[in-house]
Amino acid sequence: MDNYKITNLSTNDIYYLNEQEKRNFFKLNDFFINGVYLYSIINLSELKRNRKEKIVDFLLWSALFCAFTLMALIYIQFNY
């Protein structure tokens, strides 16, 4: 279940809702009127998932760099 941060752009009110609450919220409130958006929606679950993926990606690249550096040092030590 995803969590959302919904901001009213005219009054700057902030709502933290899950998917079902978001659906019910927009049944009662219009998302835009005359082409002007009234709310800003941010998917907090997706942001958290992206942050975790970036950390894992950084760790993997760091481990790969360390492995190649270690291989080069071992090669230099035994061949020179």
PDB file of N, CA and C in Angstrom:
ATOM      1  N   MET A   1       0.846  -1.166   0.000  1.00  0.00           N
ATOM      2  CA  MET A   1       0.000   0.000   0.000  1.00  0.00           C
ATOM      3  C   MET A   1       0.898   1.239   0.000  1.00  0.00           C
ATOM      4  N   ASP A   2       0.706   2.101  -0.951  1.00  0.00           N
ATOM      5  CA  ASP A   2       1.521   3.307  -1.092  1.00  0.00           C
ATOM      6  C   ASP A   2       1.001   4.424  -0.192  1.00  0.00           C
ATOM      7  N   ASN A   3       1.913   5.273   0.217  1.00  0.00           N
ATOM      8  CA  ASN A   3       1.581   6.456   1.007  1.00  0.00           C
ATOM      9  C   ASN A   3       1.848   7.691   0.162  1.00  0.00           C
ATOM     10  N   TYR A   4       1.013   8.696   0.331  1.00  0.00           N
ATOM     11  CA  TYR A   4       1.108   9.904  -0.482  1.00  0.00           C
ATOM     12  C   TYR A   4       1.147  11.138   0.406  1.00  0.00           C
ATOM     13  N   LYS A   5       1.859  12.154  -0.083  1.00  0.00           N
ATOM     14  CA  LYS A   5       1.838  13.479   0.525  1.00  0.00           C
ATOM     15  C   LYS A   5       1.111  14.380  -0.461  1.00  0.00           C
ATOM     16  N   ILE A   6      -0.019  14.897  -0.054  1.00  0.00           N
ATOM     17  CA  ILE A   6      -0.847  15.733  -0.921  1.00  0.00           C
ATOM     18  C   ILE A   6      -0.852  17.143  -0.346  1.00  0.00           C
ATOM     19  N   THR A   7      -0.475  18.107  -1.181  1.00  0.00           N
ATOM     20  CA  THR A   7      -0.402  19.502  -0.752  1.00  0.00           C
ATOM     21  C   THR A   7      -1.425  20.321  -1.526  1.00  0.00           C
ATOM     22  N   ASN A   8      -2.239  21.054  -0.811  1.00  0.00           N
ATOM     23  CA  ASN A   8      -3.164  21.989  -1.431  1.00  0.00           C
ATOM     24  C   ASN A   8      -2.359  23.205  -1.848  1.00  0.00           C
ATOM     25  N   LEU A   9      -2.313  23.493  -3.143  1.00  0.00           N
ATOM     26  CA  LEU A   9      -1.459  24.557  -3.661  1.00  0.00           C
ATOM     27  C   LEU A   9      -1.960  25.956  -3.315  1.00  0.00           C
ATOM     28  N   SER A  10      -3.246  26.104  -3.052  1.00  0.00           N
ATOM     29  CA  SER A  10      -3.759  27.446  -2.742  1.00  0.00           C
ATOM     30  C   SER A  10      -3.645  27.775  -1.253  1.00  0.00           C
ATOM     31  N   THR A  11      -3.796  26.779  -0.380  1.00  0.00           N
ATOM     32  CA  THR A  11      -3.743  27.052   1.067  1.00  0.00           C
ATOM     33  C   THR A  11      -2.516  26.457   1.744  1.00  0.00           C
ATOM     34  N   ASN A  12      -1.712  25.684   0.998  1.00  0.00           N
ATOM     35  CA  ASN A  12      -0.511  25.020   1.516  1.00  0.00           C
ATOM     36  C   ASN A  12      -0.797  24.044   2.657  1.00  0.00           C
ATOM     37  N   ASP A  13      -2.004  23.492   2.695  1.00  0.00           N
ATOM     38  CA  ASP A  13      -2.317  22.430   3.651  1.00  0.00           C
ATOM     39  C   ASP A  13      -1.701  21.142   3.161  1.00  0.00           C
ATOM     40  N   ILE A  14      -1.185  20.335   4.093  1.00  0.00           N
ATOM     41  CA  ILE A  14      -0.519  19.085   3.739  1.00  0.00           C
ATOM     42  C   ILE A  14      -1.304  17.926   4.340  1.00  0.00           C
ATOM     43  N   TYR A  15      -1.564  16.900   3.513  1.00  0.00           N
ATOM     44  CA  TYR A  15      -2.269  15.698   3.945  1.00  0.00           C
ATOM     45  C   TYR A  15      -1.389  14.496   3.653  1.00  0.00           C
ATOM     46  N   TYR A  16      -1.285  13.588   4.614  1.00  0.00           N
ATOM     47  CA  TYR A  16      -0.576  12.326   4.423  1.00  0.00           C
ATOM     48  C   TYR A  16      -1.625  11.226   4.374  1.00  0.00           C
ATOM     49  N   LEU A  17      -1.761  10.601   3.194  1.00  0.00           N
ATOM     50  CA  LEU A  17      -2.829   9.627   2.986  1.00  0.00           C
ATOM     51  C   LEU A  17      -2.289   8.350   2.352  1.00  0.00           C
ATOM     52  N   ASN A  18      -2.988   7.240   2.575  1.00  0.00           N
ATOM     53  CA  ASN A  18      -2.663   6.011   1.848  1.00  0.00           C
ATOM     54  C   ASN A  18      -3.531   5.953   0.591  1.00  0.00           C
ATOM     55  N   GLU A  19      -3.450   4.850  -0.156  1.00  0.00           N
ATOM     56  CA  GLU A  19      -4.144   4.784  -1.455  1.00  0.00           C
ATOM     57  C   GLU A  19      -5.654   4.920  -1.325  1.00  0.00           C
ATOM     58  N   GLN A  20      -6.243   4.199  -0.379  1.00  0.00           N
ATOM     59  CA  GLN A  20      -7.700   4.228  -0.232  1.00  0.00           C
ATOM     60  C   GLN A  20      -8.175   5.610   0.228  1.00  0.00           C
ATOM     61  N   GLU A  21      -7.462   6.197   1.174  1.00  0.00           N
ATOM     62  CA  GLU A  21      -7.818   7.543   1.632  1.00  0.00           C
ATOM     63  C   GLU A  21      -7.668   8.563   0.512  1.00  0.00           C
ATOM     64  N   LYS A  22      -6.650   8.376  -0.336  1.00  0.00           N
ATOM     65  CA  LYS A  22      -6.434   9.282  -1.472  1.00  0.00           C
ATOM     66  C   LYS A  22      -7.606   9.206  -2.451  1.00  0.00           C
ATOM     67  N   ARG A  23      -8.039   7.963  -2.746  1.00  0.00           N
ATOM     68  CA  ARG A  23      -9.189   7.792  -3.649  1.00  0.00           C
ATOM     69  C   ARG A  23     -10.424   8.485  -3.090  1.00  0.00           C
ATOM     70  N   ASN A  24     -10.699   8.282  -1.795  1.00  0.00           N
ATOM     71  CA  ASN A  24     -11.866   8.913  -1.172  1.00  0.00           C
ATOM     72  C   ASN A  24     -11.719  10.429  -1.115  1.00  0.00           C
ATOM     73  N   PHE A  25     -10.502  10.910  -0.894  1.00  0.00           N
ATOM     74  CA  PHE A  25     -10.244  12.349  -0.838  1.00  0.00           C
ATOM     75  C   PHE A  25     -10.577  13.007  -2.167  1.00  0.00           C
ATOM     76  N   PHE A  26     -10.158  12.377  -3.279  1.00  0.00           N
ATOM     77  CA  PHE A  26     -10.398  12.989  -4.582  1.00  0.00           C
ATOM     78  C   PHE A  26     -11.795  12.705  -5.118  1.00  0.00           C
ATOM     79  N   LYS A  27     -12.552  11.831  -4.466  1.00  0.00           N
ATOM     80  CA  LYS A  27     -13.974  11.731  -4.794  1.00  0.00           C
ATOM     81  C   LYS A  27     -14.705  12.957  -4.285  1.00  0.00           C
ATOM     82  N   LEU A  28     -14.254  13.469  -3.139  1.00  0.00           N
ATOM     83  CA  LEU A  28     -14.897  14.637  -2.536  1.00  0.00           C
ATOM     84  C   LEU A  28     -14.339  15.955  -3.061  1.00  0.00           C
ATOM     85  N   ASN A  29     -13.056  15.975  -3.431  1.00  0.00           N
ATOM     86  CA  ASN A  29     -12.395  17.217  -3.860  1.00  0.00           C
ATOM     87  C   ASN A  29     -11.942  17.091  -5.312  1.00  0.00           C
ATOM     88  N   ASP A  30     -12.054  18.180  -6.054  1.00  0.00           N
ATOM     89  CA  ASP A  30     -11.601  18.197  -7.441  1.00  0.00           C
ATOM     90  C   ASP A  30     -10.085  18.335  -7.484  1.00  0.00           C
ATOM     91  N   PHE A  31      -9.444  17.588  -8.411  1.00  0.00           N
ATOM     92  CA  PHE A  31      -7.991  17.647  -8.552  1.00  0.00           C
ATOM     93  C   PHE A  31      -7.564  18.915  -9.287  1.00  0.00           C
ATOM     94  N   PHE A  32      -8.352  19.307 -10.286  1.00  0.00           N
ATOM     95  CA  PHE A  32      -8.068  20.563 -10.975  1.00  0.00           C
ATOM     96  C   PHE A  32      -9.375  21.172 -11.453  1.00  0.00           C
ATOM     97  N   ILE A  33      -9.361  22.500 -11.575  1.00  0.00           N
ATOM     98  CA  ILE A  33     -10.526  23.243 -12.061  1.00  0.00           C
ATOM     99  C   ILE A  33     -10.046  24.170 -13.162  1.00  0.00           C
ATOM    100  N   ASN A  34     -10.695  24.101 -14.328  1.00  0.00           N
ATOM    101  CA  ASN A  34     -10.363  24.939 -15.482  1.00  0.00           C
ATOM    102  C   ASN A  34      -8.893  24.823 -15.865  1.00  0.00           C
ATOM    103  N   GLY A  35      -8.337  23.623 -15.784  1.00  0.00           N
ATOM    104  CA  GLY A  35      -6.954  23.385 -16.189  1.00  0.00           C
ATOM    105  C   GLY A  35      -5.915  23.810 -15.171  1.00  0.00           C
ATOM    106  N   VAL A  36      -6.333  24.273 -14.000  1.00  0.00           N
ATOM    107  CA  VAL A  36      -5.403  24.691 -12.950  1.00  0.00           C
ATOM    108  C   VAL A  36      -5.394  23.612 -11.872  1.00  0.00           C
ATOM    109  N   TYR A  37      -4.210  23.060 -11.601  1.00  0.00           N
ATOM    110  CA  TYR A  37      -4.096  22.032 -10.579  1.00  0.00           C
ATOM    111  C   TYR A  37      -4.243  22.642  -9.191  1.00  0.00           C
ATOM    112  N   LEU A  38      -5.027  21.982  -8.342  1.00  0.00           N
ATOM    113  CA  LEU A  38      -5.244  22.465  -6.993  1.00  0.00           C
ATOM    114  C   LEU A  38      -4.370  21.738  -5.975  1.00  0.00           C
ATOM    115  N   TYR A  39      -3.852  20.560  -6.350  1.00  0.00           N
ATOM    116  CA  TYR A  39      -3.095  19.742  -5.409  1.00  0.00           C
ATOM    117  C   TYR A  39      -1.795  19.243  -6.041  1.00  0.00           C
ATOM    118  N   SER A  40      -0.785  19.091  -5.211  1.00  0.00           N
ATOM    119  CA  SER A  40       0.468  18.473  -5.606  1.00  0.00           C
ATOM    120  C   SER A  40       0.526  17.114  -4.905  1.00  0.00           C
ATOM    121  N   ILE A  41       0.823  16.044  -5.668  1.00  0.00           N
ATOM    122  CA  ILE A  41       0.839  14.694  -5.110  1.00  0.00           C
ATOM    123  C   ILE A  41       2.247  14.133  -5.216  1.00  0.00           C
ATOM    124  N   ILE A  42       2.776  13.654  -4.084  1.00  0.00           N
ATOM    125  CA  ILE A  42       4.089  13.014  -4.047  1.00  0.00           C
ATOM    126  C   ILE A  42       3.904  11.618  -3.472  1.00  0.00           C
ATOM    127  N   ASN A  43       4.391  10.609  -4.191  1.00  0.00           N
ATOM    128  CA  ASN A  43       4.314   9.228  -3.723  1.00  0.00           C
ATOM    129  C   ASN A  43       5.496   8.972  -2.789  1.00  0.00           C
ATOM    130  N   LEU A  44       5.246   8.914  -1.489  1.00  0.00           N
ATOM    131  CA  LEU A  44       6.314   8.746  -0.501  1.00  0.00           C
ATOM    132  C   LEU A  44       6.919   7.351  -0.541  1.00  0.00           C
ATOM    133  N   SER A  45       6.122   6.341  -0.873  1.00  0.00           N
ATOM    134  CA  SER A  45       6.633   4.976  -0.946  1.00  0.00           C
ATOM    135  C   SER A  45       7.641   4.841  -2.080  1.00  0.00           C
ATOM    136  N   GLU A  46       7.371   5.490  -3.195  1.00  0.00           N
ATOM    137  CA  GLU A  46       8.299   5.451  -4.329  1.00  0.00           C
ATOM    138  C   GLU A  46       9.601   6.184  -4.001  1.00  0.00           C
ATOM    139  N   LEU A  47       9.504   7.307  -3.303  1.00  0.00           N
ATOM    140  CA  LEU A  47      10.704   8.038  -2.903  1.00  0.00           C
ATOM    141  C   LEU A  47      11.573   7.196  -1.972  1.00  0.00           C
ATOM    142  N   LYS A  48      10.935   6.497  -1.036  1.00  0.00           N
ATOM    143  CA  LYS A  48      11.677   5.646  -0.109  1.00  0.00           C
ATOM    144  C   LYS A  48      12.348   4.495  -0.847  1.00  0.00           C
ATOM    145  N   ARG A  49      11.621   3.901  -1.804  1.00  0.00           N
ATOM    146  CA  ARG A  49      12.167   2.804  -2.603  1.00  0.00           C
ATOM    147  C   ARG A  49      13.353   3.287  -3.443  1.00  0.00           C
ATOM    148  N   ASN A  50      13.246   4.458  -4.044  1.00  0.00           N
ATOM    149  CA  ASN A  50      14.346   5.013  -4.841  1.00  0.00           C
ATOM    150  C   ASN A  50      15.570   5.289  -3.984  1.00  0.00           C
ATOM    151  N   ARG A  51      15.357   5.784  -2.774  1.00  0.00           N
ATOM    152  CA  ARG A  51      16.466   6.075  -1.868  1.00  0.00           C
ATOM    153  C   ARG A  51      17.210   4.785  -1.516  1.00  0.00           C
ATOM    154  N   LYS A  52      16.466   3.710  -1.226  1.00  0.00           N
ATOM    155  CA  LYS A  52      17.090   2.424  -0.907  1.00  0.00           C
ATOM    156  C   LYS A  52      17.854   1.879  -2.114  1.00  0.00           C
ATOM    157  N   GLU A  53      17.280   2.019  -3.313  1.00  0.00           N
ATOM    158  CA  GLU A  53      17.958   1.541  -4.515  1.00  0.00           C
ATOM    159  C   GLU A  53      19.260   2.298  -4.755  1.00  0.00           C
ATOM    160  N   LYS A  54      19.273   3.607  -4.487  1.00  0.00           N
ATOM    161  CA  LYS A  54      20.497   4.394  -4.658  1.00  0.00           C
ATOM    162  C   LYS A  54      21.575   3.943  -3.677  1.00  0.00           C
ATOM    163  N   ILE A  55      21.187   3.642  -2.443  1.00  0.00           N
ATOM    164  CA  ILE A  55      22.158   3.185  -1.444  1.00  0.00           C
ATOM    165  C   ILE A  55      22.747   1.845  -1.854  1.00  0.00           C
ATOM    166  N   VAL A  56      21.893   0.912  -2.283  1.00  0.00           N
ATOM    167  CA  VAL A  56      22.369  -0.405  -2.712  1.00  0.00           C
ATOM    168  C   VAL A  56      23.265  -0.265  -3.942  1.00  0.00           C
ATOM    169  N   ASP A  57      22.873   0.584  -4.869  1.00  0.00           N
ATOM    170  CA  ASP A  57      23.682   0.813  -6.065  1.00  0.00           C
ATOM    171  C   ASP A  57      25.060   1.360  -5.698  1.00  0.00           C
ATOM    172  N   PHE A  58      25.112   2.320  -4.791  1.00  0.00           N
ATOM    173  CA  PHE A  58      26.380   2.883  -4.345  1.00  0.00           C
ATOM    174  C   PHE A  58      27.252   1.810  -3.689  1.00  0.00           C
ATOM    175  N   LEU A  59      26.649   0.974  -2.843  1.00  0.00           N
ATOM    176  CA  LEU A  59      27.409  -0.082  -2.180  1.00  0.00           C
ATOM    177  C   LEU A  59      27.971  -1.087  -3.177  1.00  0.00           C
ATOM    178  N   LEU A  60      27.181  -1.440  -4.188  1.00  0.00           N
ATOM    179  CA  LEU A  60      27.655  -2.392  -5.189  1.00  0.00           C
ATOM    180  C   LEU A  60      28.817  -1.828  -6.000  1.00  0.00           C
ATOM    181  N   TRP A  61      28.700  -0.570  -6.441  1.00  0.00           N
ATOM    182  CA  TRP A  61      29.786   0.034  -7.211  1.00  0.00           C
ATOM    183  C   TRP A  61      31.039   0.205  -6.353  1.00  0.00           C
ATOM    184  N   SER A  62      30.851   0.534  -5.080  1.00  0.00           N
ATOM    185  CA  SER A  62      32.004   0.664  -4.178  1.00  0.00           C
ATOM    186  C   SER A  62      32.702  -0.675  -3.993  1.00  0.00           C
ATOM    187  N   ALA A  63      31.924  -1.732  -3.815  1.00  0.00           N
ATOM    188  CA  ALA A  63      32.507  -3.063  -3.653  1.00  0.00           C
ATOM    189  C   ALA A  63      33.248  -3.481  -4.922  1.00  0.00           C
ATOM    190  N   LEU A  64      32.686  -3.176  -6.074  1.00  0.00           N
ATOM    191  CA  LEU A  64      33.338  -3.505  -7.340  1.00  0.00           C
ATOM    192  C   LEU A  64      34.658  -2.743  -7.489  1.00  0.00           C
ATOM    193  N   PHE A  65      34.647  -1.463  -7.160  1.00  0.00           N
ATOM    194  CA  PHE A  65      35.861  -0.661  -7.219  1.00  0.00           C
ATOM    195  C   PHE A  65      36.926  -1.212  -6.271  1.00  0.00           C
ATOM    196  N   CYS A  66      36.511  -1.555  -5.061  1.00  0.00           N
ATOM    197  CA  CYS A  66      37.465  -2.114  -4.084  1.00  0.00           C
ATOM    198  C   CYS A  66      38.023  -3.446  -4.567  1.00  0.00           C
ATOM    199  N   ALA A  67      37.191  -4.278  -5.179  1.00  0.00           N
ATOM    200  CA  ALA A  67      37.658  -5.568  -5.672  1.00  0.00           C
ATOM    201  C   ALA A  67      38.695  -5.387  -6.778  1.00  0.00           C
ATOM    202  N   PHE A  68      38.459  -4.491  -7.710  1.00  0.00           N
ATOM    203  CA  PHE A  68      39.425  -4.253  -8.785  1.00  0.00           C
ATOM    204  C   PHE A  68      40.720  -3.638  -8.251  1.00  0.00           C
ATOM    205  N   THR A  69      40.602  -2.745  -7.283  1.00  0.00           N
ATOM    206  CA  THR A  69      41.798  -2.152  -6.682  1.00  0.00           C
ATOM    207  C   THR A  69      42.617  -3.222  -5.962  1.00  0.00           C
ATOM    208  N   LEU A  70      41.946  -4.092  -5.232  1.00  0.00           N
ATOM    209  CA  LEU A  70      42.631  -5.173  -4.534  1.00  0.00           C
ATOM    210  C   LEU A  70      43.300  -6.134  -5.514  1.00  0.00           C
ATOM    211  N   MET A  71      42.600  -6.444  -6.612  1.00  0.00           N
ATOM    212  CA  MET A  71      43.188  -7.315  -7.633  1.00  0.00           C
ATOM    213  C   MET A  71      44.437  -6.676  -8.228  1.00  0.00           C
ATOM    214  N   ALA A  72      44.405  -5.381  -8.483  1.00  0.00           N
ATOM    215  CA  ALA A  72      45.562  -4.697  -9.050  1.00  0.00           C
ATOM    216  C   ALA A  72      46.724  -4.700  -8.064  1.00  0.00           C
ATOM    217  N   LEU A  73      46.452  -4.475  -6.800  1.00  0.00           N
ATOM    218  CA  LEU A  73      47.514  -4.491  -5.792  1.00  0.00           C
ATOM    219  C   LEU A  73      48.134  -5.882  -5.650  1.00  0.00           C
ATOM    220  N   ILE A  74      47.314  -6.905  -5.670  1.00  0.00           N
ATOM    221  CA  ILE A  74      47.829  -8.279  -5.575  1.00  0.00           C
ATOM    222  C   ILE A  74      48.658  -8.614  -6.809  1.00  0.00           C
ATOM    223  N   TYR A  75      48.197  -8.200  -7.974  1.00  0.00           N
ATOM    224  CA  TYR A  75      48.931  -8.451  -9.213  1.00  0.00           C
ATOM    225  C   TYR A  75      50.296  -7.766  -9.166  1.00  0.00           C
ATOM    226  N   ILE A  76      50.317  -6.507  -8.739  1.00  0.00           N
ATOM    227  CA  ILE A  76      51.575  -5.762  -8.652  1.00  0.00           C
ATOM    228  C   ILE A  76      52.513  -6.409  -7.628  1.00  0.00           C
ATOM    229  N   GLN A  77      51.991  -6.851  -6.518  1.00  0.00           N
ATOM    230  CA  GLN A  77      52.816  -7.428  -5.471  1.00  0.00           C
ATOM    231  C   GLN A  77      53.500  -8.729  -5.930  1.00  0.00           C
ATOM    232  N   PHE A  78      52.772  -9.570  -6.634  1.00  0.00           N
ATOM    233  CA  PHE A  78      53.321 -10.868  -7.018  1.00  0.00           C
ATOM    234  C   PHE A  78      54.078 -10.852  -8.331  1.00  0.00           C
ATOM    235  N   ASN A  79      53.914  -9.853  -9.171  1.00  0.00           N
ATOM    236  CA  ASN A  79      54.574  -9.853 -10.464  1.00  0.00           C
ATOM    237  C   ASN A  79      55.715  -8.843 -10.588  1.00  0.00           C
ATOM    238  N   TYR A  80      55.939  -8.027  -9.604  1.00  0.00           N
ATOM    239  CA  TYR A  80      57.040  -7.066  -9.694  1.00  0.00           C
ATOM    240  C   TYR A  80      57.994  -7.226  -8.565  1.00  0.00           C
TER     241      TYR A  80
END
